Amino acid sequence: MKRLSILFLFAASLSAHAEMSGRDQELMGEAFGYFRKGAYAQAIKTASQIKTREAKDRANVAYFLASTHAKAQDFEKSLPFYAEAERLGHDAETLPYDYGQALYASQRLKEAEVEFNKSINRKFKMAASAYYVGFIRQTLDDHKGATEIYQRIQRISN
């Protein structure tokens, strides 16, 4: 539900940009409509037609596409869109956490750890992000690092 609320904020943000053509704004509205209905393939197809040149709008579209691919459980396809949203400076507090989850699901553990650490630094889902970091370190046989992270989680939780 929180992700849906964040996506609605993006829709409002996109419609406020004069640089985005009326057609692109219309496409984004259609894409959000499909997303709300759970028609993720149609949402992706529609949003992929947006051709805005404004970096902030491109970042919003990339984050929407990444989130929609992830919602459809197609994590591999979400990765380039998360990377683009991050490169373009998208400021959603959820971006590193969501990107980290997609990387984790795609078994790109070292990259996922970097994103979860960004999430911790942003103070977003600190305990969950730290747990991912600890589990990644444990999986990669960095037991000392995993232990340190798990101890930090206990301090966060208490």
Protein backbone atom coordinates (compact mmCIF):
# COMPACT_ATOMS: atom_id res chain seq x y z
CA MET A 1 0.00 0.00 0.00
CA LYS A 2 2.85 2.38 0.82
CA ARG A 3 4.41 1.75 -2.60
CA LEU A 4 1.08 2.56 -4.26
CA SER A 5 0.89 5.85 -2.33
CA ILE A 6 4.43 6.72 -3.41
CA LEU A 7 3.55 5.93 -7.01
CA PHE A 8 0.55 8.27 -6.81
CA LEU A 9 2.88 11.03 -5.64
CA PHE A 10 4.99 10.38 -8.74
CA ALA A 11 1.91 10.70 -10.91
CA ALA A 12 1.13 14.08 -9.38
CA SER A 13 4.76 15.10 -9.80
CA LEU A 14 4.78 14.06 -13.43
CA SER A 15 1.60 15.94 -14.28
CA ALA A 16 3.03 19.09 -12.71
CA HIS A 17 5.95 19.24 -15.17
CA ALA A 18 5.29 21.52 -18.12
CA GLU A 19 8.21 19.88 -19.97
CA MET A 20 6.29 16.62 -20.27
CA SER A 21 4.00 16.66 -23.27
CA GLY A 22 0.28 16.26 -22.88
CA ARG A 23 0.55 12.89 -24.60
CA ASP A 24 3.21 11.71 -22.13
CA GLN A 25 1.07 12.88 -19.21
CA GLU A 26 -1.87 10.99 -20.68
CA LEU A 27 0.24 7.83 -21.07
CA MET A 28 1.44 8.08 -17.48
CA GLY A 29 -2.14 8.39 -16.27
CA GLU A 30 -3.09 5.30 -18.26
CA ALA A 31 -0.08 3.41 -16.90
CA PHE A 32 -1.08 4.25 -13.31
CA GLY A 33 -4.60 3.09 -14.04
CA TYR A 34 -3.30 -0.26 -15.25
CA PHE A 35 -1.00 -0.51 -12.23
CA ARG A 36 -3.90 0.07 -9.82
CA LYS A 37 -5.81 -2.75 -11.50
CA GLY A 38 -2.85 -5.11 -11.25
CA ALA A 39 -2.41 -5.13 -15.05
CA TYR A 40 1.35 -4.78 -14.80
CA ALA A 41 2.19 -5.85 -18.36
CA GLN A 42 -0.12 -3.15 -19.75
CA ALA A 43 1.27 -0.58 -17.29
CA ILE A 44 4.81 -1.36 -18.43
CA LYS A 45 3.90 -1.28 -22.11
CA THR A 46 2.14 2.06 -21.72
CA ALA A 47 4.78 3.75 -19.57
CA SER A 48 7.51 2.55 -21.95
CA GLN A 49 6.01 4.79 -24.64
CA ILE A 50 6.76 7.97 -22.67
CA LYS A 51 9.49 10.00 -24.39
CA THR A 52 10.12 12.89 -22.00
CA ARG A 53 13.53 14.57 -22.07
CA GLU A 54 13.38 16.14 -18.61
CA ALA A 55 15.70 14.24 -16.25
CA LYS A 56 13.34 14.39 -13.27
CA ASP A 57 10.46 13.04 -15.36
CA ARG A 58 12.69 10.31 -16.84
CA ALA A 59 13.72 9.36 -13.30
CA ASN A 60 10.06 9.11 -12.27
CA VAL A 61 9.20 6.98 -15.29
CA ALA A 62 12.22 4.73 -14.66
CA TYR A 63 11.25 4.27 -11.01
CA PHE A 64 7.66 3.51 -12.01
CA LEU A 65 8.86 0.91 -14.55
CA ALA A 66 11.26 -0.63 -12.03
CA SER A 67 8.58 -0.82 -9.35
CA THR A 68 6.06 -2.29 -11.79
CA HIS A 69 8.47 -4.97 -13.00
CA ALA A 70 9.27 -5.79 -9.37
CA LYS A 71 5.58 -5.95 -8.47
CA ALA A 72 5.19 -8.44 -11.34
CA GLN A 73 8.08 -10.46 -9.77
CA ASP A 74 10.30 -9.82 -12.82
CA PHE A 75 13.29 -8.60 -10.85
CA GLU A 76 15.86 -8.96 -13.63
CA LYS A 77 13.89 -6.58 -15.83
CA SER A 78 13.48 -4.10 -12.97
CA LEU A 79 17.25 -3.71 -12.45
CA PRO A 80 18.15 -1.40 -15.36
CA PHE A 81 15.23 0.86 -14.48
CA TYR A 82 16.25 1.08 -10.81
CA ALA A 83 19.80 1.87 -11.96
CA GLU A 84 18.51 4.60 -14.28
CA ALA A 85 16.29 6.12 -11.59
CA GLU A 86 19.26 6.19 -9.23
CA ARG A 87 21.60 7.61 -11.90
CA LEU A 88 19.10 10.36 -12.68
CA GLY A 89 18.89 11.28 -8.99
CA HIS A 90 15.43 10.02 -8.10
CA ASP A 91 14.85 10.97 -4.48
CA ALA A 92 12.37 8.34 -3.27
CA GLU A 93 13.49 7.20 0.16
CA THR A 94 12.47 3.66 -0.82
CA LEU A 95 14.71 3.48 -3.91
CA PRO A 96 17.83 1.87 -2.36
CA TYR A 97 15.76 -0.65 -0.39
CA ASP A 98 13.62 -1.61 -3.38
CA TYR A 99 16.67 -1.79 -5.66
CA GLY A 100 18.47 -3.88 -3.04
CA GLN A 101 15.59 -6.35 -2.88
CA ALA A 102 15.56 -6.71 -6.67
CA LEU A 103 19.33 -7.26 -6.72
CA TYR A 104 19.04 -9.77 -3.86
CA ALA A 105 16.30 -11.69 -5.69
CA SER A 106 18.57 -11.73 -8.75
CA GLN A 107 21.45 -13.17 -6.66
CA ARG A 108 23.60 -10.06 -7.19
CA LEU A 109 24.51 -10.04 -3.53
CA LYS A 110 27.44 -7.61 -3.37
CA GLU A 111 25.48 -4.99 -5.30
CA ALA A 112 22.45 -5.64 -3.08
CA GLU A 113 24.58 -5.06 0.01
CA VAL A 114 25.62 -1.64 -1.32
CA GLU A 115 21.97 -0.65 -1.83
CA PHE A 116 20.88 -1.92 1.59
CA ASN A 117 23.70 0.10 3.17
CA LYS A 118 22.38 3.19 1.36
CA SER A 119 18.96 2.41 2.80
CA ILE A 120 20.45 2.19 6.29
CA ASN A 121 22.23 5.53 5.78
CA ARG A 122 18.90 7.08 4.76
CA LYS A 123 17.39 5.59 7.91
CA PHE A 124 14.79 3.72 5.84
CA LYS A 125 13.87 0.25 7.08
CA MET A 126 17.12 0.15 9.00
CA ALA A 127 16.58 -3.16 10.79
CA ALA A 128 15.33 -4.98 7.67
CA SER A 129 18.15 -3.51 5.55
CA ALA A 130 20.72 -4.50 8.16
CA TYR A 131 19.28 -8.01 8.27
CA TYR A 132 19.74 -8.30 4.49
CA VAL A 133 23.34 -7.05 4.85
CA GLY A 134 24.02 -9.58 7.60
CA PHE A 135 22.49 -12.44 5.67
CA ILE A 136 24.41 -11.48 2.52
CA ARG A 137 27.66 -11.39 4.48
CA GLN A 138 26.85 -14.76 6.05
CA THR A 139 26.05 -16.21 2.62
CA LEU A 140 29.37 -14.89 1.27
CA ASP A 141 31.22 -16.47 4.24
CA ASP A 142 32.03 -13.14 5.92
CA HIS A 143 30.98 -14.47 9.32
CA LYS A 144 32.71 -11.75 11.32
CA GLY A 145 30.96 -9.05 9.25
CA ALA A 146 27.65 -10.87 9.59
CA THR A 147 28.03 -11.09 13.36
CA GLU A 148 28.77 -7.35 13.58
CA ILE A 149 25.66 -6.53 11.56
CA TYR A 150 23.43 -8.87 13.58
CA GLN A 151 24.68 -7.20 16.78
CA ARG A 152 23.82 -3.80 15.28
CA ILE A 153 20.30 -5.07 14.52
CA GLN A 154 19.86 -5.97 18.17
CA ARG A 155 20.82 -2.43 19.14
CA ILE A 156 18.41 -0.98 16.55
CA SER A 157 15.58 -3.22 17.74
CA ASN A 158 16.06 -2.47 21.45
